[in-house]
Amino acid sequence: MLTASASLRRHQGFSLIELMVGLALLAFVLMMGVPAFGAFLQNQKLRDVATSTLAAVQFARTEAIRVNGNVDFIMTDTTPDVSNFTGLTASTSGRNLLIRGNVYNPSTGQNEPKLLEMKGAHEGSGQAQDTTAVVQVTATTGQVTFTPLGGTTLAADEVIQITNPAGGTCHASGGTMRCLNVVITRGGQVRMCDPAVTAAGDTRRC
Protein backbone atom coordinates (compact mmCIF):
# COMPACT_ATOMS: atom_id res chain seq x y z
CA MET A 1 0.00 0.00 0.00
CA LEU A 2 1.41 3.43 -1.00
CA THR A 3 2.00 5.98 1.69
CA ALA A 4 0.82 9.58 1.24
CA SER A 5 4.38 10.80 0.56
CA ALA A 6 5.02 8.04 -2.03
CA SER A 7 1.74 8.83 -3.80
CA LEU A 8 2.65 12.53 -3.91
CA ARG A 9 6.06 11.79 -5.45
CA ARG A 10 4.47 9.53 -8.03
CA HIS A 11 2.09 12.23 -9.34
CA GLN A 12 4.31 15.31 -9.21
CA GLY A 13 5.35 17.01 -12.50
CA PHE A 14 8.75 18.10 -13.84
CA SER A 15 11.01 20.15 -11.68
CA LEU A 16 12.08 23.61 -12.84
CA ILE A 17 15.59 22.36 -13.56
CA GLU A 18 14.29 19.47 -15.68
CA LEU A 19 12.04 21.82 -17.61
CA MET A 20 14.89 24.26 -18.29
CA VAL A 21 17.18 21.44 -19.46
CA GLY A 22 14.46 20.18 -21.79
CA LEU A 23 13.86 23.64 -23.25
CA ALA A 24 17.61 24.14 -23.73
CA LEU A 25 17.86 20.85 -25.64
CA LEU A 26 14.86 21.77 -27.78
CA ALA A 27 16.36 25.17 -28.60
CA PHE A 28 19.66 23.52 -29.56
CA VAL A 29 17.93 21.04 -31.89
CA LEU A 30 15.95 23.86 -33.51
CA MET A 31 19.10 25.97 -33.99
CA MET A 32 20.83 23.04 -35.69
CA GLY A 33 17.87 22.52 -38.01
CA VAL A 34 17.28 26.14 -39.10
CA PRO A 35 20.13 26.32 -41.69
CA ALA A 36 19.10 23.00 -43.25
CA PHE A 37 15.45 24.06 -43.38
CA GLY A 38 16.43 27.39 -44.97
CA ALA A 39 18.43 25.58 -47.66
CA PHE A 40 15.47 23.26 -48.24
CA LEU A 41 13.14 26.21 -48.85
CA GLN A 42 15.59 27.89 -51.25
CA ASN A 43 16.09 24.64 -53.13
CA GLN A 44 12.32 24.19 -53.34
CA LYS A 45 11.97 27.63 -54.98
CA LEU A 46 14.60 26.60 -57.51
CA ARG A 47 12.87 23.29 -58.27
CA ASP A 48 9.49 25.01 -58.64
CA VAL A 49 10.86 27.32 -61.35
CA ALA A 50 12.63 24.42 -63.09
CA THR A 51 9.45 22.32 -63.06
CA SER A 52 7.36 25.23 -64.33
CA THR A 53 9.83 25.93 -67.15
CA LEU A 54 9.96 22.26 -68.12
CA ALA A 55 6.16 22.09 -68.24
CA ALA A 56 5.98 25.21 -70.43
CA VAL A 57 8.48 23.83 -72.94
CA GLN A 58 6.69 20.48 -73.09
CA PHE A 59 3.38 22.29 -73.62
CA ALA A 60 4.86 24.26 -76.53
CA ARG A 61 6.03 21.05 -78.20
CA THR A 62 2.67 19.37 -77.66
CA GLU A 63 0.84 22.35 -79.13
CA ALA A 64 3.04 22.35 -82.22
CA ILE A 65 2.01 18.77 -82.90
CA ARG A 66 -1.65 19.46 -82.09
CA VAL A 67 -2.11 22.56 -84.27
CA ASN A 68 0.17 21.16 -86.99
CA GLY A 69 2.18 24.38 -87.13
CA ASN A 70 5.26 26.05 -85.70
CA VAL A 71 5.02 27.07 -82.03
CA ASP A 72 7.51 29.36 -80.28
CA PHE A 73 8.63 29.03 -76.67
CA ILE A 74 10.10 32.41 -75.72
CA MET A 75 11.75 33.79 -72.59
CA THR A 76 11.28 37.55 -72.51
CA ASP A 77 11.95 40.55 -70.25
CA THR A 78 8.53 42.03 -71.00
CA THR A 79 5.35 40.70 -69.43
CA PRO A 80 3.39 39.22 -72.36
CA ASP A 81 -0.29 39.86 -73.07
CA VAL A 82 -2.70 39.71 -76.00
CA SER A 83 -1.70 43.17 -77.20
CA ASN A 84 2.07 42.63 -77.48
CA PHE A 85 2.76 38.91 -77.86
CA THR A 86 3.48 39.02 -81.60
CA GLY A 87 6.29 41.55 -81.27
CA LEU A 88 8.10 40.32 -78.16
CA THR A 89 11.72 39.31 -78.61
CA ALA A 90 13.65 36.65 -76.78
CA SER A 91 15.97 37.31 -73.84
CA THR A 92 18.56 34.87 -72.52
CA SER A 93 17.70 35.92 -68.95
CA GLY A 94 13.98 36.69 -69.30
CA ARG A 95 11.81 35.22 -66.57
CA ASN A 96 8.53 35.84 -68.41
CA LEU A 97 7.46 32.88 -70.53
CA LEU A 98 5.49 33.13 -73.75
CA ILE A 99 4.13 30.43 -76.03
CA ARG A 100 2.75 31.54 -79.37
CA GLY A 101 1.93 29.68 -82.54
CA ASN A 102 0.67 29.90 -86.08
CA VAL A 103 -2.82 28.43 -85.86
CA TYR A 104 -5.09 27.76 -88.83
CA ASN A 105 -8.15 30.03 -88.99
CA PRO A 106 -10.97 28.35 -90.96
CA SER A 107 -12.69 31.68 -91.64
CA THR A 108 -9.66 33.12 -93.45
CA GLY A 109 -8.09 29.88 -94.63
CA GLN A 110 -4.70 31.04 -93.32
CA ASN A 111 -2.40 30.42 -90.38
CA GLU A 112 -2.50 33.31 -87.92
CA PRO A 113 -0.41 34.10 -84.82
CA LYS A 114 -2.11 33.12 -81.58
CA LEU A 115 -1.19 33.47 -77.91
CA LEU A 116 -1.30 29.93 -76.50
CA GLU A 117 0.17 30.43 -73.01
CA MET A 118 1.94 33.07 -70.94
CA LYS A 119 3.45 33.21 -67.48
CA GLY A 120 4.75 36.25 -65.62
CA ALA A 121 8.06 36.00 -63.78
CA HIS A 122 6.48 36.53 -60.36
CA GLU A 123 3.44 34.33 -60.90
CA GLY A 124 3.23 31.94 -57.97
CA SER A 125 6.54 33.16 -56.50
CA GLY A 126 5.06 35.16 -53.63
CA GLN A 127 7.12 38.18 -54.69
CA ALA A 128 5.90 41.65 -55.54
CA GLN A 129 5.79 42.54 -59.23
CA ASP A 130 8.59 45.13 -59.07
CA THR A 131 11.03 43.11 -56.98
CA THR A 132 13.98 41.21 -58.39
CA ALA A 133 13.24 37.53 -58.88
CA VAL A 134 15.14 35.31 -56.44
CA VAL A 135 15.62 32.39 -58.81
CA GLN A 136 17.60 33.29 -61.93
CA VAL A 137 17.20 31.74 -65.38
CA THR A 138 19.83 31.85 -68.13
CA ALA A 139 19.34 30.30 -71.57
CA THR A 140 21.46 29.77 -74.65
CA THR A 141 19.17 31.81 -76.90
CA GLY A 142 15.89 32.20 -74.99
CA GLN A 143 13.74 30.93 -77.87
CA VAL A 144 12.84 27.52 -79.24
CA THR A 145 10.59 26.99 -82.26
CA PHE A 146 8.91 23.58 -82.35
CA THR A 147 7.77 22.15 -85.68
CA PRO A 148 4.60 20.12 -86.41
CA LEU A 149 6.55 16.85 -86.09
CA GLY A 150 7.79 17.77 -82.60
CA GLY A 151 11.31 18.72 -83.67
CA THR A 152 12.92 22.15 -83.51
CA THR A 153 14.65 24.64 -85.75
CA LEU A 154 17.59 24.90 -83.34
CA ALA A 155 21.13 24.92 -84.66
CA ALA A 156 22.32 23.44 -81.35
CA ASP A 157 20.75 22.16 -78.14
CA GLU A 158 19.10 24.83 -75.99
CA VAL A 159 20.16 24.78 -72.33
CA ILE A 160 18.19 26.73 -69.73
CA GLN A 161 20.18 27.04 -66.50
CA ILE A 162 18.21 27.68 -63.31
CA THR A 163 20.10 28.96 -60.27
CA ASN A 164 19.29 30.57 -56.93
CA PRO A 165 21.99 33.13 -55.99
CA ALA A 166 19.88 34.26 -53.02
CA GLY A 167 20.23 30.78 -51.53
CA GLY A 168 23.91 30.30 -52.34
CA THR A 169 26.17 28.74 -54.95
CA CYS A 170 25.35 25.62 -56.92
CA HIS A 171 26.17 22.18 -55.55
CA ALA A 172 28.41 21.53 -58.54
CA SER A 173 30.60 24.43 -57.32
CA GLY A 174 30.63 23.28 -53.70
CA GLY A 175 27.51 25.13 -52.56
CA THR A 176 24.21 23.97 -51.12
CA MET A 177 21.90 24.83 -54.02
CA ARG A 178 20.75 21.98 -56.26
CA CYS A 179 20.81 24.00 -59.48
CA LEU A 180 18.96 22.45 -62.40
CA ASN A 181 19.01 22.63 -66.19
CA VAL A 182 16.21 22.22 -68.71
CA VAL A 183 17.64 20.88 -71.96
CA ILE A 184 15.87 20.95 -75.35
CA THR A 185 17.65 18.95 -78.04
CA ARG A 186 17.56 19.76 -81.75
CA GLY A 187 15.28 16.77 -82.23
CA GLY A 188 12.75 18.15 -79.75
CA GLN A 189 13.49 16.02 -76.69
CA VAL A 190 12.92 17.92 -73.44
CA ARG A 191 14.26 16.97 -70.03
CA MET A 192 15.39 18.34 -66.69
CA CYS A 193 18.82 17.42 -65.37
CA ASP A 194 21.23 18.13 -62.51
CA PRO A 195 24.64 19.53 -63.56
CA ALA A 196 26.13 18.33 -60.26
CA VAL A 197 25.56 14.67 -61.21
CA THR A 198 28.47 13.26 -63.17
CA ALA A 199 28.14 9.50 -62.74
CA ALA A 200 27.83 7.63 -66.02
CA GLY A 201 24.43 6.04 -66.47
CA ASP A 202 22.70 8.30 -63.94
CA THR A 203 19.46 9.58 -65.52
CA ARG A 204 19.83 12.89 -63.67
CA ARG A 205 23.10 13.67 -65.45
CA CYS A 206 23.15 16.55 -67.93
C-alpha atoms as a PDB file:
ATOM      1  CA  MET A   1       0.000   0.000   0.000  1.00  0.00           C
ATOM      2  CA  LEU A   2       1.414   3.434  -1.003  1.00  0.00           C
ATOM      3  CA  THR A   3       1.999   5.975   1.695  1.00  0.00           C
ATOM      4  CA  ALA A   4       0.821   9.575   1.239  1.00  0.00           C
ATOM      5  CA  SER A   5       4.377  10.795   0.558  1.00  0.00           C
ATOM      6  CA  ALA A   6       5.015   8.042  -2.029  1.00  0.00           C
ATOM      7  CA  SER A   7       1.741   8.825  -3.803  1.00  0.00           C
ATOM      8  CA  LEU A   8       2.653  12.530  -3.914  1.00  0.00           C
ATOM      9  CA  ARG A   9       6.063  11.792  -5.447  1.00  0.00           C
ATOM     10  CA  ARG A  10       4.473   9.526  -8.030  1.00  0.00           C
ATOM     11  CA  HIS A  11       2.085  12.233  -9.344  1.00  0.00           C
ATOM     12  CA  GLN A  12       4.311  15.306  -9.206  1.00  0.00           C
ATOM     13  CA  GLY A  13       5.347  17.008 -12.503  1.00  0.00           C
ATOM     14  CA  PHE A  14       8.751  18.103 -13.842  1.00  0.00           C
ATOM     15  CA  SER A  15      11.009  20.148 -11.677  1.00  0.00           C
ATOM     16  CA  LEU A  16      12.084  23.609 -12.840  1.00  0.00           C
ATOM     17  CA  ILE A  17      15.589  22.355 -13.560  1.00  0.00           C
ATOM     18  CA  GLU A  18      14.294  19.467 -15.681  1.00  0.00           C
ATOM     19  CA  LEU A  19      12.035  21.824 -17.606  1.00  0.00           C
ATOM     20  CA  MET A  20      14.889  24.255 -18.286  1.00  0.00           C
ATOM     21  CA  VAL A  21      17.177  21.444 -19.455  1.00  0.00           C
ATOM     22  CA  GLY A  22      14.458  20.176 -21.791  1.00  0.00           C
ATOM     23  CA  LEU A  23      13.863  23.643 -23.254  1.00  0.00           C
ATOM     24  CA  ALA A  24      17.606  24.144 -23.731  1.00  0.00           C
ATOM     25  CA  LEU A  25      17.864  20.849 -25.638  1.00  0.00           C
ATOM     26  CA  LEU A  26      14.858  21.769 -27.777  1.00  0.00           C
ATOM     27  CA  ALA A  27      16.362  25.175 -28.600  1.00  0.00           C
ATOM     28  CA  PHE A  28      19.664  23.517 -29.559  1.00  0.00           C
ATOM     29  CA  VAL A  29      17.932  21.044 -31.888  1.00  0.00           C
ATOM     30  CA  LEU A  30      15.950  23.860 -33.513  1.00  0.00           C
ATOM     31  CA  MET A  31      19.097  25.968 -33.992  1.00  0.00           C
ATOM     32  CA  MET A  32      20.830  23.039 -35.687  1.00  0.00           C
ATOM     33  CA  GLY A  33      17.875  22.517 -38.006  1.00  0.00           C
ATOM     34  CA  VAL A  34      17.279  26.139 -39.095  1.00  0.00           C
ATOM     35  CA  PRO A  35      20.129  26.317 -41.690  1.00  0.00           C
ATOM     36  CA  ALA A  36      19.097  22.996 -43.251  1.00  0.00           C
ATOM     37  CA  PHE A  37      15.450  24.063 -43.376  1.00  0.00           C
ATOM     38  CA  GLY A  38      16.431  27.387 -44.972  1.00  0.00           C
ATOM     39  CA  ALA A  39      18.430  25.580 -47.656  1.00  0.00           C
ATOM     40  CA  PHE A  40      15.472  23.258 -48.241  1.00  0.00           C
ATOM     41  CA  LEU A  41      13.136  26.207 -48.846  1.00  0.00           C
ATOM     42  CA  GLN A  42      15.588  27.893 -51.253  1.00  0.00           C
ATOM     43  CA  ASN A  43      16.087  24.638 -53.135  1.00  0.00           C
ATOM     44  CA  GLN A  44      12.320  24.195 -53.343  1.00  0.00           C
ATOM     45  CA  LYS A  45      11.966  27.627 -54.982  1.00  0.00           C
ATOM     46  CA  LEU A  46      14.597  26.595 -57.509  1.00  0.00           C
ATOM     47  CA  ARG A  47      12.872  23.293 -58.275  1.00  0.00           C
ATOM     48  CA  ASP A  48       9.490  25.015 -58.638  1.00  0.00           C
ATOM     49  CA  VAL A  49      10.856  27.320 -61.352  1.00  0.00           C
ATOM     50  CA  ALA A  50      12.625  24.425 -63.090  1.00  0.00           C
ATOM     51  CA  THR A  51       9.449  22.320 -63.064  1.00  0.00           C
ATOM     52  CA  SER A  52       7.358  25.225 -64.331  1.00  0.00           C
ATOM     53  CA  THR A  53       9.831  25.925 -67.151  1.00  0.00           C
ATOM     54  CA  LEU A  54       9.960  22.260 -68.122  1.00  0.00           C
ATOM     55  CA  ALA A  55       6.160  22.085 -68.240  1.00  0.00           C
ATOM     56  CA  ALA A  56       5.977  25.213 -70.428  1.00  0.00           C
ATOM     57  CA  VAL A  57       8.485  23.830 -72.938  1.00  0.00           C
ATOM     58  CA  GLN A  58       6.690  20.483 -73.089  1.00  0.00           C
ATOM     59  CA  PHE A  59       3.385  22.285 -73.620  1.00  0.00           C
ATOM     60  CA  ALA A  60       4.861  24.263 -76.531  1.00  0.00           C
ATOM     61  CA  ARG A  61       6.032  21.047 -78.200  1.00  0.00           C
ATOM     62  CA  THR A  62       2.668  19.367 -77.660  1.00  0.00           C
ATOM     63  CA  GLU A  63       0.838  22.348 -79.129  1.00  0.00           C
ATOM     64  CA  ALA A  64       3.045  22.352 -82.221  1.00  0.00           C
ATOM     65  CA  ILE A  65       2.014  18.772 -82.900  1.00  0.00           C
ATOM     66  CA  ARG A  66      -1.646  19.459 -82.091  1.00  0.00           C
ATOM     67  CA  VAL A  67      -2.112  22.558 -84.270  1.00  0.00           C
ATOM     68  CA  ASN A  68       0.171  21.164 -86.992  1.00  0.00           C
ATOM     69  CA  GLY A  69       2.178  24.377 -87.134  1.00  0.00           C
ATOM     70  CA  ASN A  70       5.260  26.052 -85.699  1.00  0.00           C
ATOM     71  CA  VAL A  71       5.015  27.065 -82.029  1.00  0.00           C
ATOM     72  CA  ASP A  72       7.511  29.358 -80.280  1.00  0.00           C
ATOM     73  CA  PHE A  73       8.630  29.033 -76.670  1.00  0.00           C
ATOM     74  CA  ILE A  74      10.096  32.412 -75.719  1.00  0.00           C
ATOM     75  CA  MET A  75      11.747  33.794 -72.593  1.00  0.00           C
ATOM     76  CA  THR A  76      11.278  37.547 -72.506  1.00  0.00           C
ATOM     77  CA  ASP A  77      11.953  40.547 -70.252  1.00  0.00           C
ATOM     78  CA  THR A  78       8.532  42.032 -70.998  1.00  0.00           C
ATOM     79  CA  THR A  79       5.353  40.701 -69.435  1.00  0.00           C
ATOM     80  CA  PRO A  80       3.386  39.223 -72.361  1.00  0.00           C
ATOM     81  CA  ASP A  81      -0.293  39.864 -73.069  1.00  0.00           C
ATOM     82  CA  VAL A  82      -2.704  39.711 -75.997  1.00  0.00           C
ATOM     83  CA  SER A  83      -1.695  43.166 -77.204  1.00  0.00           C
ATOM     84  CA  ASN A  84       2.067  42.634 -77.485  1.00  0.00           C
ATOM     85  CA  PHE A  85       2.765  38.906 -77.860  1.00  0.00           C
ATOM     86  CA  THR A  86       3.479  39.022 -81.603  1.00  0.00           C
ATOM     87  CA  GLY A  87       6.286  41.548 -81.271  1.00  0.00           C
ATOM     88  CA  LEU A  88       8.097  40.321 -78.156  1.00  0.00           C
ATOM     89  CA  THR A  89      11.723  39.309 -78.610  1.00  0.00           C
ATOM     90  CA  ALA A  90      13.655  36.651 -76.777  1.00  0.00           C
ATOM     91  CA  SER A  91      15.971  37.312 -73.835  1.00  0.00           C
ATOM     92  CA  THR A  92      18.561  34.871 -72.515  1.00  0.00           C
ATOM     93  CA  SER A  93      17.698  35.919 -68.945  1.00  0.00           C
ATOM     94  CA  GLY A  94      13.975  36.694 -69.299  1.00  0.00           C
ATOM     95  CA  ARG A  95      11.807  35.224 -66.568  1.00  0.00           C
ATOM     96  CA  ASN A  96       8.528  35.843 -68.410  1.00  0.00           C
ATOM     97  CA  LEU A  97       7.456  32.878 -70.531  1.00  0.00           C
ATOM     98  CA  LEU A  98       5.486  33.133 -73.755  1.00  0.00           C
ATOM     99  CA  ILE A  99       4.128  30.426 -76.026  1.00  0.00           C
ATOM    100  CA  ARG A 100       2.746  31.539 -79.371  1.00  0.00           C
ATOM    101  CA  GLY A 101       1.927  29.679 -82.541  1.00  0.00           C
ATOM    102  CA  ASN A 102       0.667  29.898 -86.076  1.00  0.00           C
ATOM    103  CA  VAL A 103      -2.823  28.432 -85.860  1.00  0.00           C
ATOM    104  CA  TYR A 104      -5.086  27.757 -88.827  1.00  0.00           C
ATOM    105  CA  ASN A 105      -8.151  30.025 -88.986  1.00  0.00           C
ATOM    106  CA  PRO A 106     -10.970  28.346 -90.956  1.00  0.00           C
ATOM    107  CA  SER A 107     -12.689  31.681 -91.644  1.00  0.00           C
ATOM    108  CA  THR A 108      -9.658  33.118 -93.452  1.00  0.00           C
ATOM    109  CA  GLY A 109      -8.089  29.879 -94.628  1.00  0.00           C
ATOM    110  CA  GLN A 110      -4.701  31.036 -93.322  1.00  0.00           C
ATOM    111  CA  ASN A 111      -2.399  30.422 -90.385  1.00  0.00           C
ATOM    112  CA  GLU A 112      -2.499  33.311 -87.917  1.00  0.00           C
ATOM    113  CA  PRO A 113      -0.407  34.098 -84.821  1.00  0.00           C
ATOM    114  CA  LYS A 114      -2.113  33.116 -81.577  1.00  0.00           C
ATOM    115  CA  LEU A 115      -1.190  33.466 -77.908  1.00  0.00           C
ATOM    116  CA  LEU A 116      -1.295  29.934 -76.502  1.00  0.00           C
ATOM    117  CA  GLU A 117       0.169  30.425 -73.012  1.00  0.00           C
ATOM    118  CA  MET A 118       1.936  33.072 -70.942  1.00  0.00           C
ATOM    119  CA  LYS A 119       3.451  33.210 -67.484  1.00  0.00           C
ATOM    120  CA  GLY A 120       4.754  36.253 -65.623  1.00  0.00           C
ATOM    121  CA  ALA A 121       8.062  36.004 -63.781  1.00  0.00           C
ATOM    122  CA  HIS A 122       6.481  36.532 -60.357  1.00  0.00           C
ATOM    123  CA  GLU A 123       3.445  34.325 -60.898  1.00  0.00           C
ATOM    124  CA  GLY A 124       3.231  31.936 -57.969  1.00  0.00           C
ATOM    125  CA  SER A 125       6.535  33.158 -56.504  1.00  0.00           C
ATOM    126  CA  GLY A 126       5.055  35.157 -53.628  1.00  0.00           C
ATOM    127  CA  GLN A 127       7.118  38.182 -54.689  1.00  0.00           C
ATOM    128  CA  ALA A 128       5.900  41.651 -55.539  1.00  0.00           C
ATOM    129  CA  GLN A 129       5.795  42.540 -59.230  1.00  0.00           C
ATOM    130  CA  ASP A 130       8.590  45.134 -59.069  1.00  0.00           C
ATOM    131  CA  THR A 131      11.028  43.112 -56.976  1.00  0.00           C
ATOM    132  CA  THR A 132      13.983  41.210 -58.389  1.00  0.00           C
ATOM    133  CA  ALA A 133      13.238  37.529 -58.885  1.00  0.00           C
ATOM    134  CA  VAL A 134      15.138  35.309 -56.442  1.00  0.00           C
ATOM    135  CA  VAL A 135      15.621  32.389 -58.810  1.00  0.00           C
ATOM    136  CA  GLN A 136      17.604  33.288 -61.931  1.00  0.00           C
ATOM    137  CA  VAL A 137      17.198  31.739 -65.378  1.00  0.00           C
ATOM    138  CA  THR A 138      19.833  31.846 -68.129  1.00  0.00           C
ATOM    139  CA  ALA A 139      19.337  30.303 -71.570  1.00  0.00           C
ATOM    140  CA  THR A 140      21.464  29.767 -74.650  1.00  0.00           C
ATOM    141  CA  THR A 141      19.169  31.813 -76.902  1.00  0.00           C
ATOM    142  CA  GLY A 142      15.889  32.195 -74.993  1.00  0.00           C
ATOM    143  CA  GLN A 143      13.740  30.928 -77.867  1.00  0.00           C
ATOM    144  CA  VAL A 144      12.837  27.521 -79.243  1.00  0.00           C
ATOM    145  CA  THR A 145      10.593  26.993 -82.264  1.00  0.00           C
ATOM    146  CA  PHE A 146       8.913  23.579 -82.347  1.00  0.00           C
ATOM    147  CA  THR A 147       7.775  22.146 -85.682  1.00  0.00           C
ATOM    148  CA  PRO A 148       4.602  20.118 -86.408  1.00  0.00           C
ATOM    149  CA  LEU A 149       6.548  16.848 -86.091  1.00  0.00           C
ATOM    150  CA  GLY A 150       7.795  17.766 -82.602  1.00  0.00           C
ATOM    151  CA  GLY A 151      11.312  18.716 -83.672  1.00  0.00           C
ATOM    152  CA  THR A 152      12.917  22.153 -83.505  1.00  0.00           C
ATOM    153  CA  THR A 153      14.646  24.645 -85.748  1.00  0.00           C
ATOM    154  CA  LEU A 154      17.587  24.898 -83.342  1.00  0.00           C
ATOM    155  CA  ALA A 155      21.134  24.920 -84.657  1.00  0.00           C
ATOM    156  CA  ALA A 156      22.324  23.437 -81.345  1.00  0.00           C
ATOM    157  CA  ASP A 157      20.746  22.159 -78.140  1.00  0.00           C
ATOM    158  CA  GLU A 158      19.099  24.834 -75.993  1.00  0.00           C
ATOM    159  CA  VAL A 159      20.164  24.776 -72.332  1.00  0.00           C
ATOM    160  CA  ILE A 160      18.193  26.726 -69.729  1.00  0.00           C
ATOM    161  CA  GLN A 161      20.182  27.042 -66.499  1.00  0.00           C
ATOM    162  CA  ILE A 162      18.205  27.679 -63.309  1.00  0.00           C
ATOM    163  CA  THR A 163      20.096  28.957 -60.274  1.00  0.00           C
ATOM    164  CA  ASN A 164      19.290  30.570 -56.927  1.00  0.00           C
ATOM    165  CA  PRO A 165      21.986  33.125 -55.994  1.00  0.00           C
ATOM    166  CA  ALA A 166      19.878  34.261 -53.017  1.00  0.00           C
ATOM    167  CA  GLY A 167      20.228  30.776 -51.531  1.00  0.00           C
ATOM    168  CA  GLY A 168      23.909  30.299 -52.344  1.00  0.00           C
ATOM    169  CA  THR A 169      26.170  28.742 -54.951  1.00  0.00           C
ATOM    170  CA  CYS A 170      25.347  25.622 -56.918  1.00  0.00           C
ATOM    171  CA  HIS A 171      26.169  22.181 -55.549  1.00  0.00           C
ATOM    172  CA  ALA A 172      28.412  21.535 -58.542  1.00  0.00           C
ATOM    173  CA  SER A 173      30.601  24.433 -57.319  1.00  0.00           C
ATOM    174  CA  GLY A 174      30.631  23.277 -53.704  1.00  0.00           C
ATOM    175  CA  GLY A 175      27.513  25.134 -52.563  1.00  0.00           C
ATOM    176  CA  THR A 176      24.207  23.968 -51.121  1.00  0.00           C
ATOM    177  CA  MET A 177      21.897  24.827 -54.021  1.00  0.00           C
ATOM    178  CA  ARG A 178      20.752  21.979 -56.262  1.00  0.00           C
ATOM    179  CA  CYS A 179      20.813  23.999 -59.481  1.00  0.00           C
ATOM    180  CA  LEU A 180      18.963  22.454 -62.405  1.00  0.00           C
ATOM    181  CA  ASN A 181      19.010  22.632 -66.195  1.00  0.00           C
ATOM    182  CA  VAL A 182      16.212  22.216 -68.709  1.00  0.00           C
ATOM    183  CA  VAL A 183      17.640  20.878 -71.964  1.00  0.00           C
ATOM    184  CA  ILE A 184      15.874  20.948 -75.345  1.00  0.00           C
ATOM    185  CA  THR A 185      17.647  18.950 -78.042  1.00  0.00           C
ATOM    186  CA  ARG A 186      17.561  19.764 -81.746  1.00  0.00           C
ATOM    187  CA  GLY A 187      15.285  16.765 -82.234  1.00  0.00           C
ATOM    188  CA  GLY A 188      12.754  18.148 -79.750  1.00  0.00           C
ATOM    189  CA  GLN A 189      13.494  16.022 -76.692  1.00  0.00           C
ATOM    190  CA  VAL A 190      12.915  17.925 -73.443  1.00  0.00           C
ATOM    191  CA  ARG A 191      14.256  16.965 -70.033  1.00  0.00           C
ATOM    192  CA  MET A 192      15.392  18.342 -66.689  1.00  0.00           C
ATOM    193  CA  CYS A 193      18.819  17.421 -65.365  1.00  0.00           C
ATOM    194  CA  ASP A 194      21.230  18.132 -62.506  1.00  0.00           C
ATOM    195  CA  PRO A 195      24.640  19.532 -63.562  1.00  0.00           C
ATOM    196  CA  ALA A 196      26.134  18.326 -60.263  1.00  0.00           C
ATOM    197  CA  VAL A 197      25.559  14.674 -61.209  1.00  0.00           C
ATOM    198  CA  THR A 198      28.474  13.264 -63.174  1.00  0.00           C
ATOM    199  CA  ALA A 199      28.140   9.498 -62.739  1.00  0.00           C
ATOM    200  CA  ALA A 200      27.832   7.634 -66.018  1.00  0.00           C
ATOM    201  CA  GLY A 201      24.435   6.042 -66.467  1.00  0.00           C
ATOM    202  CA  ASP A 202      22.695   8.303 -63.937  1.00  0.00           C
ATOM    203  CA  THR A 203      19.455   9.578 -65.518  1.00  0.00           C
ATOM    204  CA  ARG A 204      19.830  12.894 -63.667  1.00  0.00           C
ATOM    205  CA  ARG A 205      23.097  13.669 -65.451  1.00  0.00           C
ATOM    206  CA  CYS A 206      23.150  16.555 -67.930  1.00  0.00           C
END
